[in-house]
Protein backbone atom coordinates (compact mmCIF):
# COMPACT_ATOMS: atom_id res chain seq x y z
CA MET A 1 -28.77 -7.99 12.44
CA ILE A 2 -25.94 -10.24 11.41
CA SER A 3 -24.13 -11.33 14.44
CA GLY A 4 -20.58 -12.78 13.93
CA LYS A 5 -18.07 -13.93 16.42
CA TYR A 6 -16.49 -10.58 16.89
CA VAL A 7 -18.70 -8.06 15.03
CA ASP A 8 -22.40 -7.30 14.81
CA VAL A 9 -23.83 -5.37 11.73
CA SER A 10 -27.11 -3.87 10.85
CA VAL A 11 -28.05 -1.72 7.81
CA TYR A 12 -30.56 0.97 7.03
CA GLN A 13 -31.04 1.58 3.33
CA LYS A 14 -33.71 3.69 1.39
CA ALA A 15 -33.76 4.92 -2.18
CA LYS A 16 -34.14 8.58 -3.22
CA LYS A 17 -37.85 9.71 -3.59
CA GLY A 18 -39.07 8.58 -6.97
CA ASN A 19 -36.41 6.03 -7.54
CA HIS A 20 -36.74 2.30 -7.85
CA TYR A 21 -32.97 1.69 -7.65
CA CYS A 22 -30.78 2.83 -4.82
CA GLY A 23 -27.41 4.09 -6.06
CA ASP A 24 -25.78 2.91 -2.89
CA SER A 25 -24.16 -0.61 -2.57
CA TYR A 26 -22.56 -2.20 0.49
CA PHE A 27 -20.64 -5.33 1.33
CA TYR A 28 -19.37 -6.73 4.60
CA VAL A 29 -17.83 -9.99 5.58
CA GLU A 30 -16.38 -11.36 8.84
CA GLU A 31 -13.70 -14.09 8.56
CA ASP A 32 -11.25 -15.65 11.09
CA GLU A 33 -8.73 -12.79 10.95
CA ILE A 34 -10.53 -9.86 9.45
CA PHE A 35 -13.77 -7.91 9.18
CA LEU A 36 -14.36 -5.79 6.05
CA GLY A 37 -17.16 -3.49 5.58
CA VAL A 38 -17.55 -1.13 2.35
CA LEU A 39 -20.14 1.39 1.29
CA ALA A 40 -20.13 2.80 -2.25
CA ASP A 41 -22.35 5.55 -3.72
CA GLY A 42 -22.54 5.94 -7.53
CA LEU A 43 -22.52 9.45 -8.78
CA GLY A 44 -25.98 10.55 -9.76
CA SER A 45 -28.95 8.30 -8.89
CA GLY A 46 -31.01 5.35 -10.17
CA GLU A 47 -29.79 2.53 -12.35
CA ILE A 48 -26.63 4.14 -13.65
CA ALA A 49 -25.48 5.02 -10.13
CA LYS A 50 -26.13 1.47 -8.90
CA GLU A 51 -24.02 0.03 -11.78
CA SER A 52 -20.92 2.03 -10.56
CA SER A 53 -21.43 1.35 -6.90
CA GLN A 54 -21.90 -2.38 -7.63
CA ALA A 55 -18.78 -2.46 -9.54
CA VAL A 56 -16.93 -1.30 -6.46
CA ILE A 57 -18.44 -4.06 -4.37
CA ASP A 58 -17.49 -6.60 -7.04
CA ILE A 59 -13.81 -5.48 -6.85
CA VAL A 60 -13.92 -5.53 -3.01
CA ARG A 61 -15.31 -9.23 -2.97
CA GLN A 62 -12.40 -10.29 -5.08
CA HIS A 63 -9.57 -8.65 -3.38
CA LYS A 64 -10.72 -8.44 0.41
CA TYR A 65 -7.34 -9.54 1.72
CA LYS A 66 -5.45 -6.74 0.06
CA THR A 67 -4.70 -3.53 2.01
CA VAL A 68 -7.26 -0.77 2.15
CA LYS A 69 -5.15 1.43 -0.06
CA GLU A 70 -4.77 -1.33 -2.62
CA ILE A 71 -8.48 -2.00 -2.68
CA ILE A 72 -9.31 1.68 -3.37
CA GLU A 73 -6.67 1.84 -6.14
CA LEU A 74 -8.21 -1.24 -7.86
CA CYS A 75 -11.72 0.19 -7.53
CA ASN A 76 -10.56 3.44 -9.09
CA LYS A 77 -8.99 1.60 -12.05
CA ARG A 78 -12.20 -0.45 -12.56
CA LEU A 79 -14.42 2.64 -12.71
CA ILE A 80 -12.44 4.56 -15.25
CA GLY A 81 -14.85 5.16 -18.13
CA MET A 82 -17.95 4.60 -15.89
CA ARG A 83 -20.06 7.17 -14.23
CA GLY A 84 -17.79 7.10 -11.07
CA ALA A 85 -18.48 6.45 -7.40
CA VAL A 86 -17.39 7.41 -3.84
CA MET A 87 -16.66 4.92 -1.17
CA GLY A 88 -15.85 4.30 2.38
CA ILE A 89 -14.08 1.28 3.75
CA LEU A 90 -13.30 -0.15 7.20
CA LYS A 91 -11.09 -3.15 7.77
CA ILE A 92 -10.72 -4.67 11.26
CA ASP A 93 -7.69 -6.95 11.93
CA PHE A 94 -8.48 -9.33 14.72
CA ILE A 95 -4.76 -10.55 14.99
CA GLU A 96 -3.11 -7.19 15.14
CA GLN A 97 -6.01 -5.61 17.06
CA THR A 98 -6.22 -2.71 14.67
CA PHE A 99 -8.78 -0.99 12.58
CA THR A 100 -8.06 0.73 9.32
CA PHE A 101 -10.50 3.18 7.54
CA SER A 102 -10.60 5.51 4.65
CA SER A 103 -13.08 7.29 2.46
CA ILE A 104 -13.12 9.18 -0.79
CA GLY A 105 -15.91 11.65 -1.64
CA ASN A 106 -18.91 12.05 0.52
CA ILE A 107 -18.93 8.85 2.49
CA GLY A 108 -18.67 9.40 6.22
CA ILE A 109 -17.29 7.27 9.14
CA ILE A 110 -17.64 7.91 12.78
CA VAL A 111 -15.95 5.95 15.46
CA LEU A 112 -17.49 5.74 19.00
CA GLU A 113 -15.52 3.90 21.70
CA LYS A 114 -17.68 2.78 24.57
CA GLY A 115 -20.37 5.39 23.60
CA VAL A 116 -17.90 8.30 23.45
CA LYS A 117 -17.57 9.90 20.00
CA LYS A 118 -13.91 9.57 19.27
CA LYS A 119 -13.58 10.98 15.74
CA ARG A 120 -15.38 11.59 12.51
CA ASN A 121 -13.36 10.76 9.35
CA ILE A 122 -12.82 13.58 6.91
CA PRO A 123 -13.12 12.14 3.49
CA SER A 124 -10.42 12.59 0.83
CA SER A 125 -11.87 14.84 -2.07
CA GLY A 126 -12.59 13.38 -5.42
CA TYR A 127 -14.30 10.20 -6.74
CA LEU A 128 -13.37 6.78 -8.08
CA GLY A 129 -12.98 6.55 -11.79
CA SER A 130 -11.01 9.95 -11.97
CA ARG A 131 -7.48 10.98 -11.55
CA TYR A 132 -7.85 11.55 -7.85
CA ARG A 133 -4.81 12.50 -5.70
CA GLY A 134 -4.84 9.38 -3.55
CA VAL A 135 -6.53 8.98 -0.10
CA LYS A 136 -5.80 9.26 3.64
CA VAL A 137 -5.64 5.84 5.32
CA MET A 138 -5.96 5.74 9.09
CA THR A 139 -4.87 2.85 11.22
CA GLU A 140 -5.70 2.94 15.00
CA LYS A 141 -5.76 0.29 17.88
CA LEU A 142 -8.96 -1.55 18.26
CA LYS A 143 -10.86 -1.56 21.49
CA LYS A 144 -13.68 -3.71 22.61
CA ASP A 145 -17.24 -2.05 22.49
CA THR A 146 -16.43 0.17 19.65
CA ASN A 147 -19.10 1.32 17.19
CA PHE A 148 -18.43 2.25 13.67
CA ILE A 149 -21.15 4.21 11.79
CA VAL A 150 -20.52 4.28 8.00
CA PHE A 151 -23.00 6.49 5.92
CA SER A 152 -23.67 7.96 2.59
CA ASP A 153 -24.60 11.63 1.98
CA GLY A 154 -28.34 10.88 2.37
CA VAL A 155 -27.52 10.94 6.23
CA MET A 156 -27.84 14.65 7.30
CA ASP A 157 -25.46 16.24 9.78
CA LYS A 158 -28.16 16.87 12.27
CA GLU A 159 -29.04 13.19 12.38
CA LEU A 160 -25.43 12.30 13.42
CA SER A 161 -25.56 13.90 16.79
CA GLN A 162 -28.26 11.61 18.00
CA TYR A 163 -27.85 9.58 21.11
CA PHE A 164 -28.97 6.13 19.58
CA PHE A 165 -25.59 5.69 17.78
CA LYS A 166 -24.11 4.87 21.17
CA ASP A 167 -26.30 1.81 21.65
CA TYR A 168 -24.66 -1.52 22.00
CA ASN A 169 -27.42 -3.19 19.88
CA VAL A 170 -26.88 -2.30 16.20
CA ASP A 171 -30.53 -3.35 15.36
CA ARG A 172 -31.69 -0.60 17.73
CA ILE A 173 -29.39 1.99 16.07
CA THR A 174 -30.80 1.38 12.63
CA GLU A 175 -34.40 1.13 13.86
CA ALA A 176 -34.11 4.34 15.86
CA TYR A 177 -32.48 5.98 12.82
CA ALA A 178 -35.36 4.77 10.57
CA ASN A 179 -37.85 6.24 13.08
CA TYR A 180 -36.05 9.55 13.54
CA SER A 181 -35.16 10.29 9.85
CA GLU A 182 -37.38 11.76 7.33
CA ASN A 183 -39.70 9.32 5.58
CA THR A 184 -39.13 10.84 2.17
CA ARG A 185 -35.46 10.89 1.39
CA GLN A 186 -33.99 13.56 -0.81
CA ASP A 187 -30.98 11.42 -1.72
CA ASP A 188 -30.19 7.76 -1.65
CA THR A 189 -29.42 6.93 2.01
CA THR A 190 -27.52 3.91 3.49
CA LEU A 191 -26.22 3.59 7.11
CA LEU A 192 -24.16 0.74 8.36
CA ALA A 193 -24.00 0.36 12.10
CA ILE A 194 -21.02 -1.94 13.05
CA ARG A 195 -20.01 -3.01 16.51
CA TYR A 196 -16.88 -4.65 17.54
CA LYS A 197 -17.83 -6.55 20.58
CA GLY A 198 -14.64 -8.61 21.22
CA GLU A 199 -14.44 -12.39 21.07
CA LYS A 200 -17.46 -14.25 22.51
CA GLY A 201 -16.89 -16.14 25.64
């Protein structure tokens, strides 16, 4: 677990059966004014998929202060001519006390406020590196003790209803998921458990 001033993060990741490379890439950072978390899944699997998903992360690192929509548009331009990727992005603004999220393709985001599931984001269709029709970007008020679960398509629907996603400890969330989920994954699988806990002290 990475424990920051405002946000705790824990990650579960496992490659598809038979693959050395996981086609999913992720990045997160907490700074004084923002938290940014991103998950990208390269189309296909293996090393080629990893190349595309890592290209997304490279763009995000360079442009983390831009808006969510601007970041997605830059990622789309970067991936033109490559294999393509899908992505989910969460940006928390500690000053404005808001969170903004969006996803394109089959990256899911679930928001739970104080253990109660508030919503599951419905991703925009398409993928990066194509002429997609834009994305839906949602901004909402931030509340203390909110969990954000960001996951690739290796996470199955039946797994998302489990009680452990409500836990206040993100390490326990990913450990419980690892124990509950199937040992042999049929697809690359990444799950980011992110908790906004408010300011320490």
